[in-house]
Protein backbone atom coordinates (compact mmCIF):
# COMPACT_ATOMS: atom_id res chain seq x y z
CA MET A 1 15.06 -153.52 -120.27
CA SER A 2 12.28 -151.57 -121.98
CA SER A 3 9.26 -150.68 -119.86
CA GLY A 4 6.81 -150.77 -122.81
CA SER A 5 7.09 -154.49 -123.44
CA GLY A 6 6.70 -155.92 -119.95
CA PRO A 7 3.81 -158.12 -118.84
CA ALA A 8 2.35 -155.38 -116.62
CA GLU A 9 2.19 -152.98 -119.56
CA ARG A 10 0.43 -155.60 -121.70
CA VAL A 11 -2.12 -156.26 -118.93
CA ILE A 12 -2.81 -152.53 -118.62
CA LEU A 13 -3.24 -152.20 -122.39
CA ALA A 14 -5.57 -155.23 -122.46
CA ALA A 15 -7.61 -153.77 -119.61
CA ARG A 16 -7.87 -150.43 -121.46
CA ARG A 17 -8.99 -152.19 -124.63
CA LEU A 18 -11.55 -154.19 -122.67
CA LEU A 19 -12.89 -151.06 -120.98
CA GLN A 20 -13.06 -149.26 -124.33
CA ASN A 21 -14.96 -152.19 -125.87
CA LEU A 22 -17.39 -152.21 -122.95
CA LEU A 23 -17.96 -148.47 -123.28
CA ASP A 24 -18.48 -148.76 -127.04
CA THR A 25 -20.95 -151.61 -126.57
CA GLY A 26 -22.80 -149.68 -123.87
CA GLU A 27 -22.99 -146.59 -126.08
CA THR A 28 -24.36 -148.66 -128.97
CA ARG A 29 -27.01 -150.23 -126.76
CA LEU A 30 -27.97 -146.84 -125.33
CA ARG A 31 -28.35 -145.37 -128.82
CA LEU A 32 -30.53 -148.34 -129.77
CA ALA A 33 -32.70 -147.74 -126.71
CA VAL A 34 -33.13 -144.05 -127.56
CA ILE A 35 -34.09 -144.85 -131.15
CA GLU A 36 -36.58 -147.44 -129.96
CA LEU A 37 -38.13 -144.96 -127.53
CA GLN A 38 -38.52 -142.39 -130.31
CA GLU A 39 -40.12 -144.95 -132.62
CA GLU A 40 -42.43 -146.14 -129.84
CA ARG A 41 -43.51 -142.55 -129.10
CA ALA A 42 -44.35 -141.91 -132.77
CA ARG A 43 -46.19 -145.24 -133.04
CA LEU A 44 -48.17 -144.56 -129.88
CA PHE A 45 -49.17 -141.08 -131.04
CA SER A 46 -50.42 -142.32 -134.41
CA LEU A 47 -52.15 -145.26 -132.74
CA LEU A 48 -53.98 -142.98 -130.30
CA LEU A 49 -54.98 -140.57 -133.05
CA LEU A 50 -56.34 -143.29 -135.31
CA ALA A 51 -58.06 -145.04 -132.41
CA GLY A 52 -59.77 -141.79 -131.41
CA ILE A 53 -61.04 -141.18 -134.94
CA ALA A 54 -62.20 -144.78 -135.24
CA LEU A 55 -64.03 -144.61 -131.92
CA LEU A 56 -65.75 -141.39 -132.90
CA LEU A 57 -66.92 -142.78 -136.24
CA PHE A 58 -67.95 -146.07 -134.63
CA ALA A 59 -69.97 -144.24 -131.98
CA PHE A 60 -71.82 -142.20 -134.62
CA GLY A 61 -72.51 -145.34 -136.62
CA ILE A 62 -73.88 -147.21 -133.61
CA GLY A 63 -76.00 -144.19 -132.68
CA MET A 64 -77.53 -144.05 -136.13
CA LEU A 65 -78.15 -147.80 -136.19
CA MET A 66 -79.83 -147.65 -132.79
CA LEU A 67 -82.00 -144.75 -133.94
CA LEU A 68 -82.99 -146.68 -137.07
CA ILE A 69 -83.94 -149.79 -135.07
CA ILE A 70 -85.91 -147.82 -132.50
CA VAL A 71 -87.80 -145.86 -135.16
CA ALA A 72 -88.54 -149.06 -137.10
CA PHE A 73 -90.09 -150.72 -134.04
CA TRP A 74 -91.60 -147.57 -132.51
CA GLN A 75 -95.23 -148.56 -133.01
CA ASP A 76 -95.19 -152.11 -131.65
CA HIS A 77 -92.04 -152.88 -129.60
CA ARG A 78 -90.25 -149.63 -128.74
CA LEU A 79 -89.18 -150.66 -125.20
CA MET A 80 -87.86 -154.01 -126.40
CA ALA A 81 -85.91 -152.31 -129.21
CA ILE A 82 -84.36 -149.81 -126.77
CA GLY A 83 -83.50 -152.62 -124.30
CA ILE A 84 -81.88 -154.82 -126.97
CA ALA A 85 -79.89 -151.86 -128.33
CA ALA A 86 -78.65 -151.03 -124.81
CA ALA A 87 -77.71 -154.68 -124.15
CA VAL A 88 -75.76 -154.90 -127.42
CA LEU A 89 -73.86 -151.70 -126.59
CA ILE A 90 -73.01 -152.86 -123.07
CA LEU A 91 -71.83 -156.27 -124.31
CA SER A 92 -69.74 -154.66 -127.06
CA GLY A 93 -68.17 -152.27 -124.57
CA LEU A 94 -67.31 -155.16 -122.27
CA LEU A 95 -65.66 -157.14 -125.09
CA VAL A 96 -63.66 -154.13 -126.25
CA SER A 97 -62.49 -153.36 -122.72
CA LEU A 98 -61.31 -156.98 -122.29
CA ARG A 99 -59.35 -156.72 -125.54
CA VAL A 100 -57.78 -153.41 -124.46
CA ARG A 101 -56.75 -155.02 -121.18
CA ALA A 102 -55.12 -157.93 -123.03
CA ILE A 103 -53.24 -155.59 -125.37
CA SER A 104 -52.03 -153.39 -122.51
CA ARG A 105 -50.41 -156.39 -120.79
CA GLU A 106 -48.22 -157.26 -123.80
CA PRO A 107 -44.69 -155.90 -123.29
CA SER A 108 -43.38 -153.98 -126.26
CA LEU A 109 -41.22 -151.19 -124.86
CA LEU A 110 -37.50 -151.64 -125.62
CA ARG A 111 -38.06 -155.18 -126.86
CA SER A 112 -35.08 -155.09 -129.26
CA THR A 113 -32.78 -153.50 -126.69
CA LEU A 114 -33.62 -156.14 -124.12
CA ALA A 115 -33.09 -158.86 -126.72
CA ARG A 116 -29.64 -157.43 -127.57
CA PHE A 117 -28.71 -157.31 -123.89
CA SER A 118 -29.73 -160.96 -123.57
CA GLU A 119 -27.61 -161.88 -126.58
CA ASP A 120 -24.65 -159.97 -125.14
CA LYS A 121 -25.02 -161.75 -121.81
CA GLU A 122 -25.18 -165.17 -123.50
CA LEU A 123 -22.07 -164.39 -125.55
CA LEU A 124 -20.18 -163.23 -122.46
CA ASP A 125 -21.26 -166.34 -120.55
CA GLN A 126 -20.18 -168.57 -123.45
CA THR A 127 -16.84 -166.76 -123.72
CA ARG A 128 -16.28 -167.14 -119.98
CA ILE A 129 -17.04 -170.88 -120.18
CA ASP A 130 -14.66 -171.26 -123.15
CA HIS A 131 -11.88 -169.42 -121.30
CA THR A 132 -12.46 -171.57 -118.22
CA ARG A 133 -12.11 -174.72 -120.32
CA VAL A 134 -8.91 -173.42 -121.92
CA GLY A 135 -7.53 -172.61 -118.45
CA GLU A 136 -8.36 -176.12 -117.24
CA ARG A 137 -6.54 -177.64 -120.24
CA HIS A 138 -3.43 -175.59 -119.51
CA GLU A 139 -3.49 -176.65 -115.87
CA GLU A 140 -3.71 -180.32 -116.88
CA LYS A 141 -0.59 -180.05 -119.06
């Protein structure tokens, strides 16, 4: 009787293969998460840099426009021109802050990794259901 071909040895080998597959899948998912984090960091840095430059240029443009409007109405309606310019700036700031708040609530970190984990879970659940059905068929026979 050879010890390498018994049912216990086959179960141990199957368990080892299953564990190795789980480790390989986990390593793949972890590598995906690391890559996503690196991409997100680079995207965030470039986004912040471009947003800072845009805000600076936008602020200078608004300042010049306000100065032009105030100088144009200096003789007759200087207080009204200053008040309207201030109201426009406050309203614009409020709208931009609402948009920033909406953007900050959108989840984007590790989106692909989480999607892959969901797919893996669905496949495992489906495989478990299929194996349960096969087991029920064998019990019926």
